[in-house]
N, C-alpha and C. Protein backbone atom coordinates (compact mmCIF):
# COMPACT_ATOMS: atom_id res chain seq x y z
N MET A 1 66.43 174.67 129.98
CA MET A 1 67.44 175.51 129.37
C MET A 1 68.70 174.72 129.03
N THR A 2 68.92 173.61 129.70
CA THR A 2 70.16 172.87 129.45
C THR A 2 70.21 172.34 128.02
N GLY A 3 69.09 171.83 127.54
CA GLY A 3 69.04 171.29 126.17
C GLY A 3 69.40 172.32 125.11
N PRO A 4 68.74 173.48 125.11
CA PRO A 4 69.10 174.50 124.12
C PRO A 4 70.55 174.97 124.24
N LEU A 5 71.06 175.06 125.47
CA LEU A 5 72.46 175.48 125.65
C LEU A 5 73.42 174.45 125.07
N TRP A 6 73.12 173.16 125.27
CA TRP A 6 73.96 172.11 124.68
C TRP A 6 73.90 172.19 123.16
N GLY A 7 72.71 172.43 122.62
CA GLY A 7 72.57 172.56 121.17
C GLY A 7 73.36 173.73 120.62
N LEU A 8 73.31 174.86 121.32
CA LEU A 8 74.09 176.03 120.88
C LEU A 8 75.59 175.78 120.99
N ALA A 9 76.00 175.10 122.05
CA ALA A 9 77.43 174.80 122.21
C ALA A 9 77.91 173.88 121.10
N LEU A 10 77.14 172.85 120.80
CA LEU A 10 77.53 171.93 119.73
C LEU A 10 77.58 172.66 118.39
N GLY A 11 76.58 173.50 118.13
CA GLY A 11 76.57 174.26 116.88
C GLY A 11 77.76 175.19 116.76
N SER A 12 78.15 175.83 117.86
CA SER A 12 79.30 176.74 117.79
C SER A 12 80.60 175.96 117.60
N ILE A 13 80.69 174.77 118.17
CA ILE A 13 81.90 173.95 117.96
C ILE A 13 81.99 173.52 116.51
N LEU A 14 80.88 173.05 115.97
CA LEU A 14 80.89 172.60 114.57
C LEU A 14 81.08 173.78 113.61
N ALA A 15 80.48 174.92 113.92
CA ALA A 15 80.63 176.08 113.05
C ALA A 15 82.06 176.60 113.08
N GLY A 16 82.76 176.37 114.17
CA GLY A 16 84.15 176.81 114.25
C GLY A 16 85.03 176.12 113.23
N PHE A 17 84.66 174.91 112.82
CA PHE A 17 85.46 174.20 111.82
C PHE A 17 85.25 174.74 110.41
N LEU A 18 84.24 175.59 110.23
CA LEU A 18 84.04 176.19 108.91
C LEU A 18 85.07 177.26 108.61
N GLY A 19 85.59 177.88 109.65
CA GLY A 19 86.52 178.98 109.44
C GLY A 19 87.90 178.71 110.00
N VAL A 20 88.43 177.51 109.82
CA VAL A 20 89.76 177.19 110.31
C VAL A 20 90.77 178.03 109.54
N PRO A 21 91.64 178.75 110.24
CA PRO A 21 92.63 179.58 109.55
C PRO A 21 93.51 178.75 108.63
N TYR A 22 93.97 179.36 107.57
CA TYR A 22 94.80 178.66 106.59
C TYR A 22 96.06 178.12 107.24
N ALA A 23 96.60 178.86 108.18
CA ALA A 23 97.84 178.44 108.83
C ALA A 23 97.68 177.11 109.56
N LEU A 24 96.48 176.82 110.04
CA LEU A 24 96.23 175.54 110.71
C LEU A 24 95.58 174.54 109.78
N GLY A 25 94.68 175.01 108.97
CA GLY A 25 93.84 174.11 108.19
C GLY A 25 94.57 173.32 107.13
N HIS A 26 95.56 173.90 106.47
CA HIS A 26 96.19 173.18 105.38
C HIS A 26 97.09 172.06 105.89
N TYR A 27 97.48 172.10 107.17
CA TYR A 27 98.30 171.03 107.72
C TYR A 27 97.47 169.81 108.09
N VAL A 28 96.25 170.01 108.52
CA VAL A 28 95.42 168.89 108.96
C VAL A 28 94.36 168.53 107.93
N GLY A 29 94.40 169.14 106.79
CA GLY A 29 93.46 168.80 105.73
C GLY A 29 92.13 169.53 105.81
N LEU A 30 92.02 170.48 106.71
CA LEU A 30 90.78 171.27 106.79
C LEU A 30 90.99 172.57 106.04
N GLY A 31 90.06 172.90 105.22
CA GLY A 31 90.13 174.18 104.53
C GLY A 31 89.23 175.17 105.22
N ASN A 32 89.31 176.42 104.81
CA ASN A 32 88.43 177.44 105.34
C ASN A 32 87.16 177.43 104.49
N GLY A 33 86.22 176.59 104.87
CA GLY A 33 85.00 176.37 104.08
C GLY A 33 84.18 177.63 103.89
N ILE A 34 84.05 178.41 104.92
CA ILE A 34 83.22 179.61 104.81
C ILE A 34 83.86 180.62 103.86
N GLU A 35 85.19 180.69 103.85
CA GLU A 35 85.88 181.62 102.96
C GLU A 35 85.66 181.22 101.50
N HIS A 36 85.77 179.94 101.22
CA HIS A 36 85.58 179.47 99.84
C HIS A 36 84.12 179.58 99.42
N TRP A 37 83.21 179.38 100.35
CA TRP A 37 81.79 179.46 100.03
C TRP A 37 81.39 180.91 99.72
N LEU A 38 81.99 181.87 100.43
CA LEU A 38 81.66 183.28 100.23
C LEU A 38 82.52 183.96 99.17
N GLU A 39 83.48 183.24 98.61
CA GLU A 39 84.41 183.85 97.66
C GLU A 39 83.72 184.53 96.48
N PRO A 40 82.68 183.95 95.86
CA PRO A 40 82.04 184.66 94.75
C PRO A 40 81.39 185.98 95.17
N VAL A 41 80.95 186.06 96.41
CA VAL A 41 80.30 187.28 96.88
C VAL A 41 81.32 188.39 97.05
N PHE A 42 82.49 188.05 97.55
CA PHE A 42 83.51 189.06 97.85
C PHE A 42 84.54 189.22 96.75
N GLU A 43 84.34 188.60 95.61
CA GLU A 43 85.32 188.69 94.52
C GLU A 43 85.61 190.13 94.12
N PRO A 44 84.60 191.02 93.97
CA PRO A 44 84.93 192.42 93.61
C PRO A 44 85.74 193.14 94.68
N ALA A 45 85.68 192.67 95.92
CA ALA A 45 86.40 193.33 96.99
C ALA A 45 87.90 193.07 96.92
N HIS A 46 88.31 191.97 96.30
CA HIS A 46 89.74 191.64 96.26
C HIS A 46 90.54 192.73 95.53
N ALA A 47 90.00 193.24 94.44
CA ALA A 47 90.71 194.31 93.71
C ALA A 47 90.78 195.58 94.56
N ALA A 48 89.71 195.91 95.24
CA ALA A 48 89.69 197.11 96.07
C ALA A 48 90.64 196.96 97.26
N LEU A 49 90.69 195.77 97.85
CA LEU A 49 91.57 195.56 98.99
C LEU A 49 93.03 195.73 98.61
N GLN A 50 93.39 195.31 97.41
CA GLN A 50 94.78 195.45 96.98
C GLN A 50 95.15 196.93 96.81
N GLN A 51 94.19 197.75 96.46
CA GLN A 51 94.46 199.18 96.34
C GLN A 51 94.55 199.86 97.70
N VAL A 52 93.71 199.41 98.64
CA VAL A 52 93.68 200.04 99.96
C VAL A 52 94.84 199.56 100.82
N PHE A 53 95.05 198.25 100.84
CA PHE A 53 96.12 197.67 101.66
C PHE A 53 97.27 197.29 100.74
N SER A 54 98.23 198.17 100.63
CA SER A 54 99.34 197.91 99.73
C SER A 54 100.37 196.97 100.35
N ALA A 55 100.37 196.83 101.67
CA ALA A 55 101.32 195.95 102.33
C ALA A 55 100.92 194.49 102.07
N PRO A 56 101.89 193.61 101.99
CA PRO A 56 101.57 192.21 101.76
C PRO A 56 100.87 191.60 102.98
N ALA A 57 100.18 190.51 102.76
CA ALA A 57 99.49 189.83 103.86
C ALA A 57 100.52 189.32 104.87
N PRO A 58 100.16 189.33 106.15
CA PRO A 58 101.10 188.85 107.15
C PRO A 58 101.42 187.37 106.95
N SER A 59 102.57 186.98 107.44
CA SER A 59 102.99 185.59 107.28
C SER A 59 102.23 184.69 108.23
N HIS A 60 102.44 183.40 108.05
CA HIS A 60 101.80 182.43 108.94
C HIS A 60 102.35 182.56 110.36
N ALA A 61 103.58 183.01 110.47
CA ALA A 61 104.17 183.20 111.80
C ALA A 61 103.38 184.25 112.58
N THR A 62 102.95 185.32 111.91
CA THR A 62 102.13 186.34 112.57
C THR A 62 100.80 185.76 113.01
N GLU A 63 100.21 184.92 112.17
CA GLU A 63 98.94 184.29 112.51
C GLU A 63 99.11 183.38 113.73
N TYR A 64 100.18 182.59 113.75
CA TYR A 64 100.45 181.73 114.91
C TYR A 64 100.68 182.55 116.17
N LEU A 65 101.42 183.66 116.03
CA LEU A 65 101.70 184.51 117.18
C LEU A 65 100.41 185.10 117.76
N LEU A 66 99.52 185.55 116.89
CA LEU A 66 98.26 186.11 117.36
C LEU A 66 97.39 185.05 118.01
N MET A 67 97.39 183.83 117.46
CA MET A 67 96.62 182.75 118.09
C MET A 67 97.18 182.42 119.47
N LEU A 68 98.50 182.33 119.58
CA LEU A 68 99.11 182.05 120.87
C LEU A 68 98.87 183.18 121.86
N ALA A 69 98.90 184.42 121.39
CA ALA A 69 98.65 185.55 122.28
C ALA A 69 97.23 185.51 122.83
N SER A 70 96.25 185.20 121.99
CA SER A 70 94.87 185.15 122.48
C SER A 70 94.67 184.00 123.45
N ILE A 71 95.31 182.86 123.20
CA ILE A 71 95.23 181.74 124.14
C ILE A 71 95.94 182.12 125.43
N GLY A 72 97.07 182.81 125.34
CA GLY A 72 97.79 183.26 126.53
C GLY A 72 96.97 184.21 127.38
N VAL A 73 96.27 185.12 126.74
CA VAL A 73 95.42 186.06 127.49
C VAL A 73 94.30 185.29 128.20
N ALA A 74 93.70 184.33 127.53
CA ALA A 74 92.63 183.55 128.14
C ALA A 74 93.15 182.73 129.33
N VAL A 75 94.26 182.04 129.14
CA VAL A 75 94.83 181.23 130.23
C VAL A 75 95.29 182.14 131.37
N GLY A 76 95.88 183.28 131.02
CA GLY A 76 96.30 184.22 132.06
C GLY A 76 95.12 184.73 132.87
N GLY A 77 94.02 185.01 132.22
CA GLY A 77 92.82 185.44 132.94
C GLY A 77 92.28 184.37 133.87
N ILE A 78 92.30 183.13 133.40
CA ILE A 78 91.84 182.02 134.25
C ILE A 78 92.76 181.86 135.45
N LEU A 79 94.08 181.90 135.24
CA LEU A 79 95.03 181.76 136.34
C LEU A 79 94.92 182.93 137.31
N LEU A 80 94.77 184.15 136.81
CA LEU A 80 94.63 185.32 137.67
C LEU A 80 93.37 185.22 138.52
N ALA A 81 92.27 184.81 137.91
CA ALA A 81 91.03 184.66 138.67
C ALA A 81 91.18 183.59 139.74
N GLY A 82 91.82 182.48 139.39
CA GLY A 82 92.05 181.44 140.39
C GLY A 82 92.91 181.93 141.54
N TRP A 83 93.96 182.69 141.23
CA TRP A 83 94.85 183.20 142.28
C TRP A 83 94.12 184.23 143.16
N LEU A 84 93.33 185.13 142.52
CA LEU A 84 92.64 186.16 143.28
C LEU A 84 91.55 185.59 144.18
N TYR A 85 90.89 184.54 143.73
CA TYR A 85 89.75 184.02 144.48
C TYR A 85 90.06 182.74 145.23
N LYS A 86 91.35 182.36 145.32
CA LYS A 86 91.68 181.14 146.03
C LYS A 86 91.44 181.29 147.53
N GLY A 87 91.41 182.52 148.01
CA GLY A 87 91.15 182.76 149.42
C GLY A 87 89.67 182.70 149.76
N GLY A 88 88.82 182.43 148.80
CA GLY A 88 87.38 182.36 149.05
C GLY A 88 86.76 183.74 149.10
N PRO A 89 85.62 183.84 149.76
CA PRO A 89 84.92 185.13 149.83
C PRO A 89 85.73 186.22 150.51
N ALA A 90 86.59 185.87 151.45
CA ALA A 90 87.38 186.89 152.14
C ALA A 90 88.35 187.57 151.16
N GLY A 91 88.96 186.78 150.29
CA GLY A 91 89.87 187.35 149.30
C GLY A 91 89.13 188.24 148.32
N ALA A 92 87.93 187.81 147.91
CA ALA A 92 87.13 188.62 146.99
C ALA A 92 86.70 189.93 147.65
N ALA A 93 86.35 189.87 148.93
CA ALA A 93 85.94 191.08 149.65
C ALA A 93 87.12 192.05 149.79
N ALA A 94 88.30 191.51 150.06
CA ALA A 94 89.48 192.37 150.18
C ALA A 94 89.80 193.03 148.85
N LEU A 95 89.68 192.27 147.77
CA LEU A 95 89.91 192.83 146.44
C LEU A 95 88.89 193.92 146.12
N ALA A 96 87.63 193.68 146.48
CA ALA A 96 86.58 194.68 146.24
C ALA A 96 86.86 195.95 147.02
N ARG A 97 87.37 195.82 148.25
CA ARG A 97 87.69 197.02 149.04
C ARG A 97 88.87 197.77 148.45
N SER A 98 89.87 197.04 147.98
CA SER A 98 91.07 197.72 147.47
C SER A 98 90.81 198.39 146.11
N LEU A 99 89.87 197.88 145.35
CA LEU A 99 89.51 198.47 144.05
C LEU A 99 88.07 198.97 144.07
N ALA A 100 87.73 199.70 145.12
CA ALA A 100 86.34 200.09 145.36
C ALA A 100 85.69 200.85 144.20
N PRO A 101 86.31 201.87 143.61
CA PRO A 101 85.61 202.57 142.52
C PRO A 101 85.34 201.67 141.32
N ALA A 102 86.33 200.90 140.90
CA ALA A 102 86.12 200.00 139.75
C ALA A 102 85.09 198.92 140.10
N HIS A 103 85.16 198.42 141.33
CA HIS A 103 84.20 197.39 141.76
C HIS A 103 82.78 197.94 141.74
N ARG A 104 82.59 199.15 142.19
CA ARG A 104 81.25 199.76 142.23
C ARG A 104 80.70 199.94 140.80
N VAL A 105 81.54 200.41 139.90
CA VAL A 105 81.11 200.61 138.50
C VAL A 105 80.72 199.28 137.87
N LEU A 106 81.56 198.27 138.04
CA LEU A 106 81.27 196.97 137.44
C LEU A 106 80.10 196.28 138.11
N LEU A 107 79.98 196.42 139.42
CA LEU A 107 78.87 195.80 140.14
C LEU A 107 77.53 196.39 139.69
N ASN A 108 77.53 197.69 139.43
CA ASN A 108 76.30 198.35 138.99
C ASN A 108 76.13 198.33 137.47
N LYS A 109 77.00 197.62 136.78
CA LYS A 109 76.91 197.46 135.32
C LYS A 109 76.81 198.82 134.63
N TYR A 110 77.69 199.73 135.03
CA TYR A 110 77.77 201.07 134.47
C TYR A 110 76.46 201.85 134.63
N TRP A 111 75.59 201.42 135.49
CA TRP A 111 74.31 202.06 135.79
C TRP A 111 73.41 202.18 134.56
N VAL A 112 73.56 201.29 133.61
CA VAL A 112 72.73 201.32 132.40
C VAL A 112 71.28 201.03 132.76
N ASP A 113 71.04 200.01 133.60
CA ASP A 113 69.66 199.67 133.98
C ASP A 113 68.98 200.81 134.72
N GLU A 114 69.72 201.46 135.61
CA GLU A 114 69.15 202.57 136.37
C GLU A 114 68.82 203.75 135.46
N LEU A 115 69.72 204.03 134.53
CA LEU A 115 69.49 205.12 133.58
C LEU A 115 68.28 204.83 132.70
N TYR A 116 68.18 203.60 132.21
CA TYR A 116 67.03 203.21 131.39
C TYR A 116 65.74 203.32 132.20
N GLY A 117 65.78 202.84 133.44
CA GLY A 117 64.58 202.92 134.29
C GLY A 117 64.16 204.35 134.55
N ALA A 118 65.12 205.22 134.81
CA ALA A 118 64.79 206.62 135.10
C ALA A 118 64.25 207.32 133.87
N LEU A 119 64.87 207.09 132.71
CA LEU A 119 64.44 207.80 131.51
C LEU A 119 63.16 207.25 130.92
N PHE A 120 63.10 205.94 130.76
CA PHE A 120 62.01 205.37 129.98
C PHE A 120 60.90 204.80 130.84
N VAL A 121 61.24 204.06 131.88
CA VAL A 121 60.19 203.43 132.68
C VAL A 121 59.51 204.45 133.56
N ARG A 122 60.29 205.07 134.46
CA ARG A 122 59.68 206.06 135.36
C ARG A 122 59.46 207.38 134.66
N GLY A 123 60.33 207.74 133.73
CA GLY A 123 60.23 209.05 133.08
C GLY A 123 59.09 209.14 132.09
N LEU A 124 59.09 208.29 131.10
CA LEU A 124 58.09 208.40 130.04
C LEU A 124 56.84 207.59 130.32
N ALA A 125 57.01 206.36 130.79
CA ALA A 125 55.84 205.49 130.94
C ALA A 125 55.02 205.84 132.17
N LEU A 126 55.67 205.95 133.33
CA LEU A 126 54.90 206.21 134.54
C LEU A 126 54.78 207.70 134.81
N GLY A 127 55.91 208.36 135.03
CA GLY A 127 55.87 209.79 135.34
C GLY A 127 55.45 210.62 134.15
N GLY A 128 55.83 210.19 132.99
CA GLY A 128 55.49 210.95 131.80
C GLY A 128 54.36 210.32 131.02
N GLY A 129 53.53 209.57 131.68
CA GLY A 129 52.40 208.94 131.00
C GLY A 129 51.55 209.95 130.27
N GLN A 130 51.43 211.14 130.84
CA GLN A 130 50.66 212.19 130.18
C GLN A 130 51.34 212.61 128.88
N ALA A 131 52.68 212.65 128.90
CA ALA A 131 53.40 213.01 127.68
C ALA A 131 53.19 211.95 126.60
N MET A 132 53.23 210.68 127.02
CA MET A 132 53.00 209.61 126.04
C MET A 132 51.57 209.64 125.53
N HIS A 133 50.61 209.94 126.41
CA HIS A 133 49.21 210.04 125.99
C HIS A 133 49.03 211.19 125.01
N ALA A 134 49.67 212.33 125.30
CA ALA A 134 49.57 213.47 124.39
C ALA A 134 50.23 213.16 123.05
N MET A 135 51.36 212.46 123.08
CA MET A 135 52.03 212.07 121.84
C MET A 135 51.11 211.18 121.01
N ASP A 136 50.48 210.21 121.68
CA ASP A 136 49.58 209.31 120.97
C ASP A 136 48.36 210.06 120.44
N ARG A 137 47.82 210.93 121.26
CA ARG A 137 46.57 211.60 120.89
C ARG A 137 46.76 212.64 119.79
N PHE A 138 47.80 213.46 119.91
CA PHE A 138 47.93 214.59 119.00
C PHE A 138 48.87 214.34 117.83
N VAL A 139 49.86 213.46 117.99
CA VAL A 139 50.80 213.22 116.90
C VAL A 139 50.44 211.95 116.14
N ILE A 140 50.30 210.84 116.87
CA ILE A 140 50.03 209.58 116.19
C ILE A 140 48.60 209.55 115.67
N ASP A 141 47.64 209.87 116.55
CA ASP A 141 46.25 209.87 116.10
C ASP A 141 45.89 211.16 115.37
N GLY A 142 46.60 212.23 115.60
CA GLY A 142 46.40 213.45 114.85
C GLY A 142 45.27 214.32 115.33
N GLY A 143 45.05 214.42 116.60
CA GLY A 143 44.02 215.33 117.10
C GLY A 143 43.38 214.77 118.34
N ASP A 144 42.16 215.15 118.54
CA ASP A 144 41.47 214.72 119.77
C ASP A 144 40.63 213.48 119.54
N GLY A 145 41.07 212.62 118.64
CA GLY A 145 40.35 211.39 118.38
C GLY A 145 39.40 211.50 117.21
N GLN A 146 39.22 212.69 116.68
CA GLN A 146 38.34 212.89 115.54
C GLN A 146 39.13 212.71 114.25
N VAL A 147 38.45 212.22 113.23
CA VAL A 147 39.11 212.05 111.94
C VAL A 147 39.03 213.38 111.21
N ARG A 148 40.18 214.08 111.14
CA ARG A 148 40.25 215.37 110.47
C ARG A 148 41.69 215.64 110.08
N ALA A 149 41.89 216.73 109.39
CA ALA A 149 43.23 217.05 108.91
C ALA A 149 44.20 217.12 110.09
N GLY A 150 45.36 216.58 109.90
CA GLY A 150 46.37 216.59 110.95
C GLY A 150 47.40 215.52 110.67
N LEU A 151 48.11 215.16 111.70
CA LEU A 151 49.16 214.17 111.58
C LEU A 151 48.62 212.79 111.95
N GLY A 152 49.40 211.81 111.71
CA GLY A 152 49.15 210.48 112.23
C GLY A 152 48.08 209.71 111.50
N VAL A 153 47.56 208.72 112.22
CA VAL A 153 46.61 207.77 111.65
C VAL A 153 45.32 208.46 111.24
N ASN A 154 44.77 209.26 112.14
CA ASN A 154 43.51 209.93 111.81
C ASN A 154 43.68 210.96 110.71
N GLY A 155 44.84 211.61 110.66
CA GLY A 155 45.11 212.54 109.56
C GLY A 155 45.21 211.81 108.23
N ALA A 156 45.82 210.62 108.24
CA ALA A 156 45.90 209.83 107.02
C ALA A 156 44.52 209.35 106.61
N ALA A 157 43.69 208.99 107.58
CA ALA A 157 42.32 208.58 107.27
C ALA A 157 41.54 209.75 106.66
N TRP A 158 41.73 210.95 107.23
CA TRP A 158 41.05 212.11 106.68
C TRP A 158 41.52 212.37 105.25
N ALA A 159 42.84 212.30 105.04
CA ALA A 159 43.36 212.54 103.70
C ALA A 159 42.84 211.52 102.72
N THR A 160 42.79 210.27 103.14
CA THR A 160 42.30 209.22 102.25
C THR A 160 40.82 209.40 101.97
N ARG A 161 40.05 209.59 103.01
CA ARG A 161 38.60 209.68 102.83
C ARG A 161 38.17 210.99 102.19
N ASP A 162 38.58 212.09 102.73
CA ASP A 162 38.06 213.37 102.28
C ASP A 162 38.76 213.90 101.03
N LEU A 163 40.08 213.94 101.05
CA LEU A 163 40.79 214.51 99.90
C LEU A 163 40.61 213.64 98.65
N LEU A 164 40.78 212.33 98.81
CA LEU A 164 40.61 211.46 97.64
C LEU A 164 39.16 211.43 97.17
N ALA A 165 38.23 211.53 98.12
CA ALA A 165 36.82 211.58 97.71
C ALA A 165 36.54 212.86 96.93
N ARG A 166 37.10 213.97 97.37
CA ARG A 166 36.90 215.22 96.62
C ARG A 166 37.53 215.15 95.24
N PHE A 167 38.75 214.61 95.16
CA PHE A 167 39.40 214.45 93.87
C PHE A 167 38.58 213.52 92.97
N SER A 168 38.09 212.44 93.54
CA SER A 168 37.28 211.50 92.77
C SER A 168 35.99 212.17 92.27
N ASP A 169 35.38 212.98 93.13
CA ASP A 169 34.16 213.69 92.73
C ASP A 169 34.45 214.66 91.59
N LEU A 170 35.54 215.42 91.70
CA LEU A 170 35.89 216.35 90.63
C LEU A 170 36.22 215.61 89.34
N TRP A 171 36.96 214.53 89.44
CA TRP A 171 37.31 213.71 88.26
C TRP A 171 36.05 213.18 87.59
N ASP A 172 35.15 212.64 88.43
CA ASP A 172 33.92 212.09 87.88
C ASP A 172 33.06 213.17 87.24
N ARG A 173 32.93 214.32 87.90
CA ARG A 173 32.07 215.38 87.41
C ARG A 173 32.62 216.02 86.14
N TRP A 174 33.90 216.36 86.12
CA TRP A 174 34.44 217.11 85.00
C TRP A 174 35.02 216.25 83.88
N VAL A 175 35.63 215.12 84.23
CA VAL A 175 36.26 214.32 83.18
C VAL A 175 35.29 213.28 82.65
N VAL A 176 34.79 212.41 83.54
CA VAL A 176 33.92 211.33 83.06
C VAL A 176 32.58 211.88 82.59
N ASP A 177 31.84 212.55 83.48
CA ASP A 177 30.54 213.08 83.08
C ASP A 177 30.69 214.17 82.02
N GLY A 178 31.76 214.99 82.12
CA GLY A 178 31.99 216.03 81.13
C GLY A 178 32.22 215.44 79.75
N THR A 179 32.97 214.35 79.67
CA THR A 179 33.22 213.70 78.38
C THR A 179 31.93 213.14 77.81
N VAL A 180 31.15 212.49 78.67
CA VAL A 180 29.87 211.94 78.20
C VAL A 180 28.95 213.07 77.77
N SER A 181 28.87 214.14 78.56
CA SER A 181 28.00 215.26 78.21
C SER A 181 28.46 215.93 76.93
N ARG A 182 29.75 216.14 76.73
CA ARG A 182 30.25 216.76 75.50
C ARG A 182 29.98 215.86 74.30
N SER A 183 30.20 214.55 74.48
CA SER A 183 29.95 213.66 73.34
C SER A 183 28.46 213.62 73.01
N ALA A 184 27.60 213.72 74.02
CA ALA A 184 26.16 213.72 73.76
C ALA A 184 25.74 215.02 73.09
N SER A 185 26.31 216.14 73.55
CA SER A 185 25.93 217.42 72.96
C SER A 185 26.52 217.56 71.55
N SER A 186 27.66 216.97 71.30
CA SER A 186 28.23 217.09 69.95
C SER A 186 27.50 216.18 68.98
N SER A 187 26.91 215.10 69.46
CA SER A 187 26.18 214.22 68.52
C SER A 187 24.82 214.77 68.17
N THR A 188 24.23 215.62 69.01
CA THR A 188 22.90 216.19 68.73
C THR A 188 23.00 217.44 67.87
N THR A 189 24.14 218.05 67.78
CA THR A 189 24.24 219.27 66.99
C THR A 189 24.66 219.04 65.60
């Protein structure tokens, strides 16, 4: 797994240089390559954007402020985590006790796995296996396994085989054979 992770990390670093913001890129000679490459695709959107967003584009100062704010949040999170966990496991346990409800929710990952297991794994697949079998038998296959009118695969097979065969028989009998028979009877009279 280490090799693929290194490859993904390198790709994300290199891909980051494709979208260098204008506020940074024009000073160091890097342009926003992805923006220029996609410009023909989004050209019709420029007119629509001017109608929707009547305010002028934010200045470079706003862009710098937002970049610094996001870096500040990241550094603040790292420093907060270091401060909270500098006491080792005892500090983490004390924090978990003081924030017990939030800790329980986050530890159980909002109970998404348990909900999925109850509804789909134990509910439909194991406990509701009969429901899935009935769905497959009567809706998907369209009956009790016999090819006849109904829903699903067997119903489509019935429609293809029986209905189209009947239509083909009528077409052949009345149109093809009828035309030949009429032409033969009209030539003898």
